[in-house]
C-alpha atoms as a PDB file:
ATOM      1  CA  MET A   1     -53.764   2.603  -8.699  1.00  0.00           C
ATOM      2  CA  ASN A   2     -54.131   5.937 -10.554  1.00  0.00           C
ATOM      3  CA  GLU A   3     -54.442   6.246 -14.342  1.00  0.00           C
ATOM      4  CA  THR A   4     -50.962   7.735 -14.739  1.00  0.00           C
ATOM      5  CA  GLN A   5     -49.315   4.776 -13.020  1.00  0.00           C
ATOM      6  CA  THR A   6     -51.430   2.293 -14.976  1.00  0.00           C
ATOM      7  CA  LEU A   7     -50.391   3.916 -18.252  1.00  0.00           C
ATOM      8  CA  LEU A   8     -46.733   3.895 -17.191  1.00  0.00           C
ATOM      9  CA  ASP A   9     -46.920   0.186 -16.331  1.00  0.00           C
ATOM     10  CA  SER A  10     -48.539  -0.552 -19.672  1.00  0.00           C
ATOM     11  CA  ARG A  11     -45.948   1.415 -21.653  1.00  0.00           C
ATOM     12  CA  PHE A  12     -43.105  -0.266 -19.768  1.00  0.00           C
ATOM     13  CA  ALA A  13     -44.622  -3.668 -20.490  1.00  0.00           C
ATOM     14  CA  SER A  14     -44.923  -2.802 -24.180  1.00  0.00           C
ATOM     15  CA  LEU A  15     -41.270  -1.732 -24.391  1.00  0.00           C
ATOM     16  CA  PHE A  16     -40.029  -5.018 -22.931  1.00  0.00           C
ATOM     17  CA  ARG A  17     -42.580  -7.381 -24.407  1.00  0.00           C
ATOM     18  CA  GLY A  18     -41.430 -10.749 -25.683  1.00  0.00           C
ATOM     19  CA  ARG A  19     -42.563 -14.320 -25.195  1.00  0.00           C
ATOM     20  CA  THR A  20     -45.992 -14.365 -23.585  1.00  0.00           C
ATOM     21  CA  ASP A  21     -46.185 -17.854 -22.078  1.00  0.00           C
ATOM     22  CA  ALA A  22     -43.107 -17.852 -19.832  1.00  0.00           C
ATOM     23  CA  TYR A  23     -40.761 -15.498 -18.013  1.00  0.00           C
ATOM     24  CA  GLY A  24     -37.551 -15.695 -16.038  1.00  0.00           C
ATOM     25  CA  SER A  25     -37.250 -15.664 -12.266  1.00  0.00           C
ATOM     26  CA  GLU A  26     -34.698 -13.869 -10.133  1.00  0.00           C
ATOM     27  CA  GLU A  27     -33.185 -17.221  -9.184  1.00  0.00           C
ATOM     28  CA  GLY A  28     -32.487 -18.183 -12.776  1.00  0.00           C
ATOM     29  CA  GLY A  29     -35.457 -20.422 -13.503  1.00  0.00           C
ATOM     30  CA  CYS A  30     -38.172 -20.464 -16.128  1.00  0.00           C
ATOM     31  CA  VAL A  31     -41.700 -19.744 -14.912  1.00  0.00           C
ATOM     32  CA  LYS A  32     -44.229 -21.155 -17.386  1.00  0.00           C
ATOM     33  CA  GLN A  33     -47.071 -18.741 -16.817  1.00  0.00           C
ATOM     34  CA  SER A  34     -48.735 -16.007 -18.838  1.00  0.00           C
ATOM     35  CA  VAL A  35     -46.851 -12.716 -19.048  1.00  0.00           C
ATOM     36  CA  THR A  36     -49.305  -9.934 -18.218  1.00  0.00           C
ATOM     37  CA  VAL A  37     -49.171  -6.201 -17.620  1.00  0.00           C
ATOM     38  CA  GLU A  38     -49.864  -6.986 -13.964  1.00  0.00           C
ATOM     39  CA  LEU A  39     -46.670  -9.044 -13.853  1.00  0.00           C
ATOM     40  CA  PHE A  40     -44.655  -6.062 -15.100  1.00  0.00           C
ATOM     41  CA  ALA A  41     -46.433  -3.778 -12.636  1.00  0.00           C
ATOM     42  CA  ASN A  42     -45.592  -6.114  -9.765  1.00  0.00           C
ATOM     43  CA  HIS A  43     -41.921  -5.997 -10.822  1.00  0.00           C
ATOM     44  CA  LEU A  44     -41.960  -2.188 -10.860  1.00  0.00           C
ATOM     45  CA  ASN A  45     -43.692  -2.050  -7.478  1.00  0.00           C
ATOM     46  CA  GLY A  46     -41.083  -4.177  -5.696  1.00  0.00           C
ATOM     47  CA  GLY A  47     -42.725  -7.573  -6.032  1.00  0.00           C
ATOM     48  CA  ALA A  48     -41.014 -10.535  -7.658  1.00  0.00           C
ATOM     49  CA  PRO A  49     -38.368  -9.344 -10.155  1.00  0.00           C
ATOM     50  CA  ILE A  50     -38.793 -10.778 -13.637  1.00  0.00           C
ATOM     51  CA  GLY A  51     -36.844 -11.392 -16.804  1.00  0.00           C
ATOM     52  CA  ILE A  52     -38.301 -11.570 -20.298  1.00  0.00           C
ATOM     53  CA  TYR A  53     -37.508 -13.952 -23.136  1.00  0.00           C
ATOM     54  CA  PRO A  54     -37.110 -11.674 -26.172  1.00  0.00           C
ATOM     55  CA  LEU A  55     -37.986 -14.140 -28.955  1.00  0.00           C
ATOM     56  CA  TYR A  56     -41.512 -14.885 -30.092  1.00  0.00           C
ATOM     57  CA  GLN A  57     -42.716 -16.514 -33.287  1.00  0.00           C
ATOM     58  CA  SER A  58     -44.777 -14.716 -35.928  1.00  0.00           C
ATOM     59  CA  ARG A  59     -45.515 -16.151 -39.376  1.00  0.00           C
ATOM     60  CA  ASN A  60     -42.823 -18.778 -38.939  1.00  0.00           C
ATOM     61  CA  GLU A  61     -40.135 -16.193 -38.100  1.00  0.00           C
ATOM     62  CA  TRP A  62     -38.534 -15.499 -34.753  1.00  0.00           C
ATOM     63  CA  MET A  63     -39.085 -11.858 -33.889  1.00  0.00           C
ATOM     64  CA  CYS A  64     -38.269  -9.385 -31.103  1.00  0.00           C
ATOM     65  CA  VAL A  65     -38.777  -5.724 -30.262  1.00  0.00           C
ATOM     66  CA  TRP A  66     -35.678  -5.150 -28.127  1.00  0.00           C
ATOM     67  CA  GLY A  67     -32.069  -6.182 -27.887  1.00  0.00           C
ATOM     68  CA  CYS A  68     -29.622  -6.049 -25.016  1.00  0.00           C
ATOM     69  CA  SER A  69     -25.863  -6.348 -24.797  1.00  0.00           C
ATOM     70  CA  ASP A  70     -24.650  -7.506 -21.393  1.00  0.00           C
ATOM     71  CA  ILE A  71     -21.306  -6.049 -20.253  1.00  0.00           C
ATOM     72  CA  ASP A  72     -20.699  -8.469 -17.397  1.00  0.00           C
ATOM     73  CA  VAL A  73     -17.811  -6.558 -15.799  1.00  0.00           C
ATOM     74  CA  ASP A  74     -17.652  -3.233 -14.006  1.00  0.00           C
ATOM     75  CA  ASP A  75     -16.574  -1.277 -17.082  1.00  0.00           C
ATOM     76  CA  ILE A  76     -18.774   1.734 -17.823  1.00  0.00           C
ATOM     77  CA  ASN A  77     -16.439   2.785 -20.630  1.00  0.00           C
ATOM     78  CA  ALA A  78     -17.211  -0.439 -22.497  1.00  0.00           C
ATOM     79  CA  ALA A  79     -20.959   0.153 -22.206  1.00  0.00           C
ATOM     80  CA  VAL A  80     -20.593   3.755 -23.361  1.00  0.00           C
ATOM     81  CA  SER A  81     -18.446   2.671 -26.307  1.00  0.00           C
ATOM     82  CA  ILE A  82     -21.230   0.314 -27.486  1.00  0.00           C
ATOM     83  CA  LYS A  83     -23.806   3.078 -26.994  1.00  0.00           C
ATOM     84  CA  ASP A  84     -21.625   5.522 -28.975  1.00  0.00           C
ATOM     85  CA  ALA A  85     -21.071   3.024 -31.795  1.00  0.00           C
ATOM     86  CA  LEU A  86     -24.837   2.631 -32.117  1.00  0.00           C
ATOM     87  CA  ALA A  87     -25.422   6.387 -31.893  1.00  0.00           C
ATOM     88  CA  ALA A  88     -23.005   6.970 -34.776  1.00  0.00           C
ATOM     89  CA  ALA A  89     -25.290   4.779 -36.895  1.00  0.00           C
ATOM     90  CA  GLY A  90     -28.470   6.547 -35.811  1.00  0.00           C
ATOM     91  CA  VAL A  91     -29.525   4.092 -33.099  1.00  0.00           C
ATOM     92  CA  TYR A  92     -30.370   5.413 -29.645  1.00  0.00           C
ATOM     93  CA  ALA A  93     -29.343   3.031 -26.871  1.00  0.00           C
ATOM     94  CA  PHE A  94     -29.780   3.098 -23.094  1.00  0.00           C
ATOM     95  CA  VAL A  95     -27.157   2.058 -20.536  1.00  0.00           C
ATOM     96  CA  GLU A  96     -28.448   0.357 -17.401  1.00  0.00           C
ATOM     97  CA  ARG A  97     -26.386  -0.389 -14.325  1.00  0.00           C
ATOM     98  CA  SER A  98     -27.299  -4.043 -13.942  1.00  0.00           C
ATOM     99  CA  ARG A  99     -28.033  -6.218 -10.933  1.00  0.00           C
ATOM    100  CA  SER A 100     -24.733  -6.608  -9.061  1.00  0.00           C
ATOM    101  CA  LYS A 101     -21.994  -5.567 -11.464  1.00  0.00           C
ATOM    102  CA  GLY A 102     -21.680  -4.584 -15.062  1.00  0.00           C
ATOM    103  CA  TYR A 103     -24.078  -2.909 -17.456  1.00  0.00           C
ATOM    104  CA  HIS A 104     -26.823  -3.605 -19.979  1.00  0.00           C
ATOM    105  CA  VAL A 105     -27.047  -1.671 -23.253  1.00  0.00           C
ATOM    106  CA  TRP A 106     -30.674  -1.669 -24.473  1.00  0.00           C
ATOM    107  CA  VAL A 107     -32.091  -0.921 -27.925  1.00  0.00           C
ATOM    108  CA  PHE A 108     -35.815  -0.706 -28.707  1.00  0.00           C
ATOM    109  CA  ALA A 109     -37.289  -1.253 -32.167  1.00  0.00           C
ATOM    110  CA  GLU A 110     -40.068   0.876 -33.615  1.00  0.00           C
ATOM    111  CA  SER A 111     -41.745  -2.291 -34.889  1.00  0.00           C
ATOM    112  CA  PRO A 112     -40.918  -6.011 -34.589  1.00  0.00           C
ATOM    113  CA  VAL A 113     -37.717  -7.153 -36.299  1.00  0.00           C
ATOM    114  CA  THR A 114     -36.231 -10.583 -36.820  1.00  0.00           C
ATOM    115  CA  ALA A 115     -34.006 -11.914 -34.096  1.00  0.00           C
ATOM    116  CA  VAL A 116     -31.346 -12.264 -36.794  1.00  0.00           C
ATOM    117  CA  ALA A 117     -31.396  -8.520 -37.508  1.00  0.00           C
ATOM    118  CA  MET A 118     -31.417  -7.374 -33.868  1.00  0.00           C
ATOM    119  CA  ARG A 119     -28.639  -9.713 -32.815  1.00  0.00           C
ATOM    120  CA  ARG A 120     -26.395  -8.966 -35.779  1.00  0.00           C
ATOM    121  CA  MET A 121     -26.839  -5.213 -35.428  1.00  0.00           C
ATOM    122  CA  LEU A 122     -25.601  -5.417 -31.836  1.00  0.00           C
ATOM    123  CA  LEU A 123     -22.741  -7.722 -32.862  1.00  0.00           C
ATOM    124  CA  CYS A 124     -21.791  -5.144 -35.484  1.00  0.00           C
ATOM    125  CA  ALA A 125     -21.746  -2.418 -32.796  1.00  0.00           C
ATOM    126  CA  HIS A 126     -19.327  -4.534 -30.775  1.00  0.00           C
ATOM    127  CA  GLN A 127     -17.084  -4.911 -33.812  1.00  0.00           C
ATOM    128  CA  VAL A 128     -17.074  -1.145 -34.366  1.00  0.00           C
ATOM    129  CA  ALA A 129     -16.334  -0.518 -30.675  1.00  0.00           C
ATOM    130  CA  GLU A 130     -13.699  -3.294 -30.702  1.00  0.00           C
ATOM    131  CA  TYR A 131     -15.184  -4.851 -27.581  1.00  0.00           C
ATOM    132  CA  PRO A 132     -15.800  -8.630 -27.290  1.00  0.00           C
ATOM    133  CA  ALA A 133     -19.449  -9.617 -27.727  1.00  0.00           C
ATOM    134  CA  ARG A 134     -19.765 -12.150 -24.918  1.00  0.00           C
ATOM    135  CA  GLU A 135     -23.489 -11.804 -24.140  1.00  0.00           C
ATOM    136  CA  VAL A 136     -25.605 -10.232 -26.854  1.00  0.00           C
ATOM    137  CA  ASN A 137     -29.359 -10.755 -26.562  1.00  0.00           C
ATOM    138  CA  PRO A 138     -31.178 -12.255 -28.250  1.00  0.00           C
ATOM    139  CA  LYS A 139     -28.554 -14.971 -27.907  1.00  0.00           C
ATOM    140  CA  GLN A 140     -30.348 -17.162 -30.430  1.00  0.00           C
ATOM    141  CA  GLU A 141     -31.517 -16.297 -33.933  1.00  0.00           C
ATOM    142  CA  THR A 142     -33.934 -19.234 -34.064  1.00  0.00           C
ATOM    143  CA  LEU A 143     -35.328 -21.737 -31.583  1.00  0.00           C
ATOM    144  CA  ALA A 144     -36.195 -25.400 -31.932  1.00  0.00           C
ATOM    145  CA  ALA A 145     -39.529 -26.743 -30.749  1.00  0.00           C
ATOM    146  CA  GLY A 146     -39.771 -26.589 -26.958  1.00  0.00           C
ATOM    147  CA  GLN A 147     -36.872 -24.152 -26.540  1.00  0.00           C
ATOM    148  CA  PHE A 148     -37.233 -20.788 -24.801  1.00  0.00           C
ATOM    149  CA  GLY A 149     -33.829 -19.235 -25.387  1.00  0.00           C
ATOM    150  CA  ASN A 150     -32.329 -16.896 -22.782  1.00  0.00           C
ATOM    151  CA  TYR A 151     -34.127 -14.235 -20.805  1.00  0.00           C
ATOM    152  CA  VAL A 152     -32.831 -10.880 -19.576  1.00  0.00           C
ATOM    153  CA  ARG A 153     -33.694  -9.477 -16.162  1.00  0.00           C
ATOM    154  CA  LEU A 154     -35.544  -6.189 -16.495  1.00  0.00           C
ATOM    155  CA  PRO A 155     -34.503  -2.812 -15.078  1.00  0.00           C
ATOM    156  CA  TYR A 156     -36.411  -0.742 -12.541  1.00  0.00           C
ATOM    157  CA  TRP A 157     -37.280  -3.398 -10.030  1.00  0.00           C
ATOM    158  CA  ASN A 158     -38.930  -1.521  -7.127  1.00  0.00           C
ATOM    159  CA  ALA A 159     -38.861   1.641  -9.235  1.00  0.00           C
ATOM    160  CA  SER A 160     -40.065   4.001  -6.497  1.00  0.00           C
ATOM    161  CA  ASP A 161     -36.940   3.384  -4.411  1.00  0.00           C
ATOM    162  CA  ASP A 162     -34.973   6.549  -5.186  1.00  0.00           C
ATOM    163  CA  THR A 163     -31.928   5.284  -3.303  1.00  0.00           C
ATOM    164  CA  ALA A 164     -31.422   2.304  -5.633  1.00  0.00           C
ATOM    165  CA  ILE A 165     -28.411   2.398  -7.943  1.00  0.00           C
ATOM    166  CA  HIS A 166     -28.559  -0.928  -9.707  1.00  0.00           C
ATOM    167  CA  ARG A 167     -31.203  -1.869 -12.273  1.00  0.00           C
ATOM    168  CA  ARG A 168     -31.588   1.750 -13.265  1.00  0.00           C
ATOM    169  CA  VAL A 169     -30.988   3.350 -16.651  1.00  0.00           C
ATOM    170  CA  LEU A 170     -28.371   6.092 -16.628  1.00  0.00           C
ATOM    171  CA  ARG A 171     -28.482   9.463 -18.323  1.00  0.00           C
ATOM    172  CA  ASP A 172     -25.566  10.565 -20.495  1.00  0.00           C
ATOM    173  CA  ASP A 173     -24.005  12.181 -17.415  1.00  0.00           C
ATOM    174  CA  LEU A 174     -24.323   8.766 -15.662  1.00  0.00           C
ATOM    175  CA  THR A 175     -26.915   9.945 -13.151  1.00  0.00           C
ATOM    176  CA  VAL A 176     -29.951   7.730 -12.612  1.00  0.00           C
ATOM    177  CA  MET A 177     -32.898   8.324 -14.950  1.00  0.00           C
ATOM    178  CA  PRO A 178     -36.301   8.039 -13.212  1.00  0.00           C
ATOM    179  CA  LEU A 179     -38.665   5.444 -14.627  1.00  0.00           C
ATOM    180  CA  ALA A 180     -41.120   7.887 -16.229  1.00  0.00           C
ATOM    181  CA  GLU A 181     -38.311   9.786 -17.935  1.00  0.00           C
ATOM    182  CA  PHE A 182     -36.799   6.561 -19.259  1.00  0.00           C
ATOM    183  CA  VAL A 183     -40.092   5.281 -20.647  1.00  0.00           C
ATOM    184  CA  GLY A 184     -40.765   8.617 -22.343  1.00  0.00           C
ATOM    185  CA  ARG A 185     -37.325   8.721 -23.931  1.00  0.00           C
ATOM    186  CA  ALA A 186     -37.463   5.084 -24.967  1.00  0.00           C
ATOM    187  CA  TYR A 187     -40.756   5.623 -26.795  1.00  0.00           C
ATOM    188  CA  ALA A 188     -39.475   8.790 -28.456  1.00  0.00           C
ATOM    189  CA  THR A 189     -36.234   7.217 -29.686  1.00  0.00           C
ATOM    190  CA  LYS A 190     -37.294   3.800 -30.949  1.00  0.00           C
ATOM    191  CA  THR A 191     -35.220   2.639 -33.897  1.00  0.00           C
ATOM    192  CA  PRO A 192     -36.938   1.940 -37.241  1.00  0.00           C
ATOM    193  CA  ALA A 193     -36.855  -1.720 -38.250  1.00  0.00           C
ATOM    194  CA  SER A 194     -35.307  -0.718 -41.584  1.00  0.00           C
ATOM    195  CA  THR A 195     -32.332   0.828 -39.778  1.00  0.00           C
ATOM    196  CA  ILE A 196     -31.764  -2.284 -37.668  1.00  0.00           C
ATOM    197  CA  GLU A 197     -31.968  -4.519 -40.727  1.00  0.00           C
ATOM    198  CA  ARG A 198     -29.556  -2.322 -42.684  1.00  0.00           C
ATOM    199  CA  LEU A 199     -26.973  -2.201 -39.921  1.00  0.00           C
ATOM    200  CA  ALA A 200     -27.240  -5.954 -39.362  1.00  0.00           C
ATOM    201  CA  GLY A 201     -25.959  -6.395 -42.892  1.00  0.00           C
ATOM    202  CA  TYR A 202     -22.635  -4.800 -41.934  1.00  0.00           C
ATOM    203  CA  TRP A 203     -21.831  -7.491 -39.396  1.00  0.00           C
ATOM    204  CA  LYS A 204     -18.968  -9.727 -40.415  1.00  0.00           C
ATOM    205  CA  PRO A 205     -18.690 -13.199 -38.880  1.00  0.00           C
ATOM    206  CA  PRO A 206     -15.367 -13.517 -37.031  1.00  0.00           C
ATOM    207  CA  VAL A 207     -12.686 -15.298 -38.994  1.00  0.00           C
ATOM    208  CA  ALA A 208     -10.975 -18.128 -37.159  1.00  0.00           C
ATOM    209  CA  THR A 209      -7.280 -17.432 -36.826  1.00  0.00           C
ATOM    210  CA  PRO A 210      -4.734 -20.238 -37.023  1.00  0.00           C
ATOM    211  CA  ARG A 211      -3.446 -21.448 -33.669  1.00  0.00           C
ATOM    212  CA  ILE A 212      -0.013 -20.011 -32.983  1.00  0.00           C
ATOM    213  CA  LYS A 213       2.555 -21.836 -30.894  1.00  0.00           C
ATOM    214  CA  ILE A 214       3.619 -19.525 -28.106  1.00  0.00           C
ATOM    215  CA  ASP A 215       6.468 -20.327 -25.745  1.00  0.00           C
ATOM    216  CA  LEU A 216       5.564 -19.334 -22.192  1.00  0.00           C
ATOM    217  CA  THR A 217       8.637 -20.798 -20.511  1.00  0.00           C
ATOM    218  CA  ILE A 218       9.921 -18.164 -18.103  1.00  0.00           C
ATOM    219  CA  ASN A 219      13.593 -17.359 -18.519  1.00  0.00           C
ATOM    220  CA  GLU A 220      13.556 -13.707 -17.437  1.00  0.00           C
ATOM    221  CA  SER A 221      13.515 -11.980 -14.067  1.00  0.00           C
ATOM    222  CA  LEU A 222      10.906  -9.317 -13.348  1.00  0.00           C
ATOM    223  CA  ALA A 223      13.588  -6.606 -13.469  1.00  0.00           C
ATOM    224  CA  ASP A 224      14.754  -7.796 -16.904  1.00  0.00           C
ATOM    225  CA  ALA A 225      11.200  -7.963 -18.249  1.00  0.00           C
ATOM    226  CA  LEU A 226      10.339  -4.476 -17.010  1.00  0.00           C
ATOM    227  CA  ARG A 227      13.211  -2.942 -18.969  1.00  0.00           C
ATOM    228  CA  GLY A 228      11.332  -3.563 -22.195  1.00  0.00           C
ATOM    229  CA  LEU A 229       7.963  -2.261 -21.002  1.00  0.00           C
ATOM    230  CA  SER A 230       6.718   1.123 -22.224  1.00  0.00           C
ATOM    231  CA  PRO A 231       6.282   4.039 -19.781  1.00  0.00           C
ATOM    232  CA  LEU A 232       2.487   3.637 -19.952  1.00  0.00           C
ATOM    233  CA  GLY A 233       2.823  -0.073 -19.276  1.00  0.00           C
ATOM    234  CA  LYS A 234       4.982   0.601 -16.254  1.00  0.00           C
ATOM    235  CA  VAL A 235       2.381   2.998 -14.849  1.00  0.00           C
ATOM    236  CA  ILE A 236      -0.358   0.384 -15.281  1.00  0.00           C
ATOM    237  CA  TRP A 237       1.865  -2.313 -13.735  1.00  0.00           C
ATOM    238  CA  ARG A 238       2.767  -0.048 -10.806  1.00  0.00           C
ATOM    239  CA  ASP A 239      -0.606   1.566 -10.013  1.00  0.00           C
ATOM    240  CA  GLY A 240      -3.084  -1.183 -10.877  1.00  0.00           C
ATOM    241  CA  PRO A 241      -6.772  -0.701 -11.775  1.00  0.00           C
ATOM    242  CA  LEU A 242      -8.254   2.787 -11.794  1.00  0.00           C
ATOM    243  CA  PRO A 243     -11.337   3.299  -9.573  1.00  0.00           C
ATOM    244  CA  GLU A 244     -13.761   2.701 -12.477  1.00  0.00           C
ATOM    245  CA  ARG A 245     -11.862  -0.296 -13.894  1.00  0.00           C
ATOM    246  CA  ASP A 246     -11.835  -3.900 -12.743  1.00  0.00           C
ATOM    247  CA  ARG A 247      -8.769  -6.124 -12.371  1.00  0.00           C
ATOM    248  CA  SER A 248      -9.567  -8.320 -15.354  1.00  0.00           C
ATOM    249  CA  SER A 249      -9.789  -5.506 -17.900  1.00  0.00           C
ATOM    250  CA  THR A 250      -6.693  -3.825 -16.431  1.00  0.00           C
ATOM    251  CA  LEU A 251      -4.677  -7.050 -16.714  1.00  0.00           C
ATOM    252  CA  THR A 252      -5.818  -7.290 -20.328  1.00  0.00           C
ATOM    253  CA  LYS A 253      -4.776  -3.694 -21.000  1.00  0.00           C
ATOM    254  CA  LEU A 254      -1.378  -4.393 -19.435  1.00  0.00           C
ATOM    255  CA  ALA A 255      -0.994  -7.504 -21.620  1.00  0.00           C
ATOM    256  CA  TYR A 256      -1.691  -5.476 -24.754  1.00  0.00           C
ATOM    257  CA  GLU A 257       0.796  -2.840 -23.643  1.00  0.00           C
ATOM    258  CA  CYS A 258       3.411  -5.584 -23.247  1.00  0.00           C
ATOM    259  CA  ALA A 259       2.711  -6.732 -26.798  1.00  0.00           C
ATOM    260  CA  LYS A 260       2.882  -3.149 -28.134  1.00  0.00           C
ATOM    261  CA  SER A 261       6.247  -2.762 -26.392  1.00  0.00           C
ATOM    262  CA  GLY A 262       7.668  -5.590 -28.509  1.00  0.00           C
ATOM    263  CA  MET A 263       8.101  -7.901 -25.555  1.00  0.00           C
ATOM    264  CA  SER A 264       8.126 -11.677 -25.803  1.00  0.00           C
ATOM    265  CA  PRO A 265       5.165 -13.674 -24.453  1.00  0.00           C
ATOM    266  CA  SER A 266       7.296 -15.060 -21.636  1.00  0.00           C
ATOM    267  CA  GLU A 267       8.365 -11.531 -20.593  1.00  0.00           C
ATOM    268  CA  ALA A 268       4.732 -10.445 -20.606  1.00  0.00           C
ATOM    269  CA  LYS A 269       3.815 -13.439 -18.461  1.00  0.00           C
ATOM    270  CA  VAL A 270       6.408 -12.460 -15.839  1.00  0.00           C
ATOM    271  CA  ILE A 271       4.964  -8.945 -15.624  1.00  0.00           C
ATOM    272  CA  LEU A 272       1.342 -10.099 -15.580  1.00  0.00           C
ATOM    273  CA  MET A 273       1.967 -12.678 -12.873  1.00  0.00           C
ATOM    274  CA  ASP A 274       3.591 -10.049 -10.683  1.00  0.00           C
ATOM    275  CA  ALA A 275       0.729  -7.608 -11.264  1.00  0.00           C
ATOM    276  CA  ASP A 276      -1.812 -10.349 -10.589  1.00  0.00           C
ATOM    277  CA  ARG A 277      -0.089 -11.292  -7.349  1.00  0.00           C
ATOM    278  CA  ARG A 278      -0.466  -7.703  -6.108  1.00  0.00           C
ATOM    279  CA  TRP A 279      -3.953  -7.054  -7.494  1.00  0.00           C
ATOM    280  CA  GLY A 280      -5.418 -10.399  -6.437  1.00  0.00           C
ATOM    281  CA  LYS A 281      -7.339 -11.557  -9.508  1.00  0.00           C
ATOM    282  CA  TYR A 282      -6.082 -15.084 -10.283  1.00  0.00           C
ATOM    283  CA  HIS A 283      -3.043 -15.846  -8.141  1.00  0.00           C
ATOM    284  CA  LEU A 284      -4.904 -17.586  -5.299  1.00  0.00           C
ATOM    285  CA  ARG A 285      -6.853 -19.811  -7.668  1.00  0.00           C
ATOM    286  CA  ARG A 286      -5.748 -23.359  -8.311  1.00  0.00           C
ATOM    287  CA  ASN A 287      -5.571 -22.600 -12.052  1.00  0.00           C
ATOM    288  CA  GLY A 288      -4.292 -19.041 -11.666  1.00  0.00           C
ATOM    289  CA  GLU A 289      -1.213 -19.463 -13.847  1.00  0.00           C
ATOM    290  CA  VAL A 290      -3.331 -21.142 -16.521  1.00  0.00           C
ATOM    291  CA  GLU A 291      -5.580 -18.065 -16.651  1.00  0.00           C
ATOM    292  CA  ILE A 292      -2.548 -15.824 -17.126  1.00  0.00           C
ATOM    293  CA  ASP A 293      -1.277 -18.134 -19.862  1.00  0.00           C
ATOM    294  CA  LYS A 294      -4.646 -17.937 -21.633  1.00  0.00           C
ATOM    295  CA  LEU A 295      -4.561 -14.141 -21.487  1.00  0.00           C
ATOM    296  CA  VAL A 296      -1.043 -14.007 -22.928  1.00  0.00           C
ATOM    297  CA  VAL A 297      -1.912 -16.431 -25.733  1.00  0.00           C
ATOM    298  CA  ARG A 298      -5.061 -14.467 -26.596  1.00  0.00           C
ATOM    299  CA  VAL A 299      -3.214 -11.150 -26.807  1.00  0.00           C
ATOM    300  CA  PHE A 300      -0.125 -12.404 -28.618  1.00  0.00           C
ATOM    301  CA  SER A 301      -2.170 -14.419 -31.124  1.00  0.00           C
ATOM    302  CA  ARG A 302      -3.863 -11.344 -32.572  1.00  0.00           C
END
């Protein structure tokens, strides 16, 4: 192996360093072995893919040097919105097209920060972007004895494969960024710990809203319900998901458009069930109607 490749492996390993006595496997298990530069190099060279546990303990505090928000649906706009929210606060983030669907948004710290600070900064970015924070890593702020937390699978498995799309970081124009370019940019744009800690302070814990009784008894026909839907809502209902959008997010957008149109929850349910029947998200599932009900309740309870 030449010196350039060895240096690249080492820099990549430093960017994604975390717990040193265990790592995650491709299959979802915990491998209790030492995490070495050679392990990272094997990942980059097309050997066994690995995931890293971000939290490690230092002076009785749980620390990390990176954070990652997992957008677990095929919604590039959501990932970009998180990246833009961070950029507005002076934090450079990287969007990776993850393993099979969805995206990871990565942030790298200039020096170790507490897991509390990293997690809450990313949660704050989600609040600014108004996008649900379903999987923000680190997922834990502290760990009990014997716990490992959650690992995140790393990008650039088999990095020399130029035809690969997934597990690659994207440039701002959404083209794939080669490994060396990514590592160089990541080192040049690390975020100061003081910035992460400051932004973490802006996070506001979500306030529990009182449960609202919503009547979902259907009394309307589809034709009657559609009369109250806005022109934009009708276009969404008629045309379905755009090429870059998935069915779940489009159903949610349609539900919000129903609410904005001043429709009743039961009218919205009629429209969503018809759209779902044509788009094929929930209607063949045993609990399909329940999923639609949950969506309506979530939207109309806001």
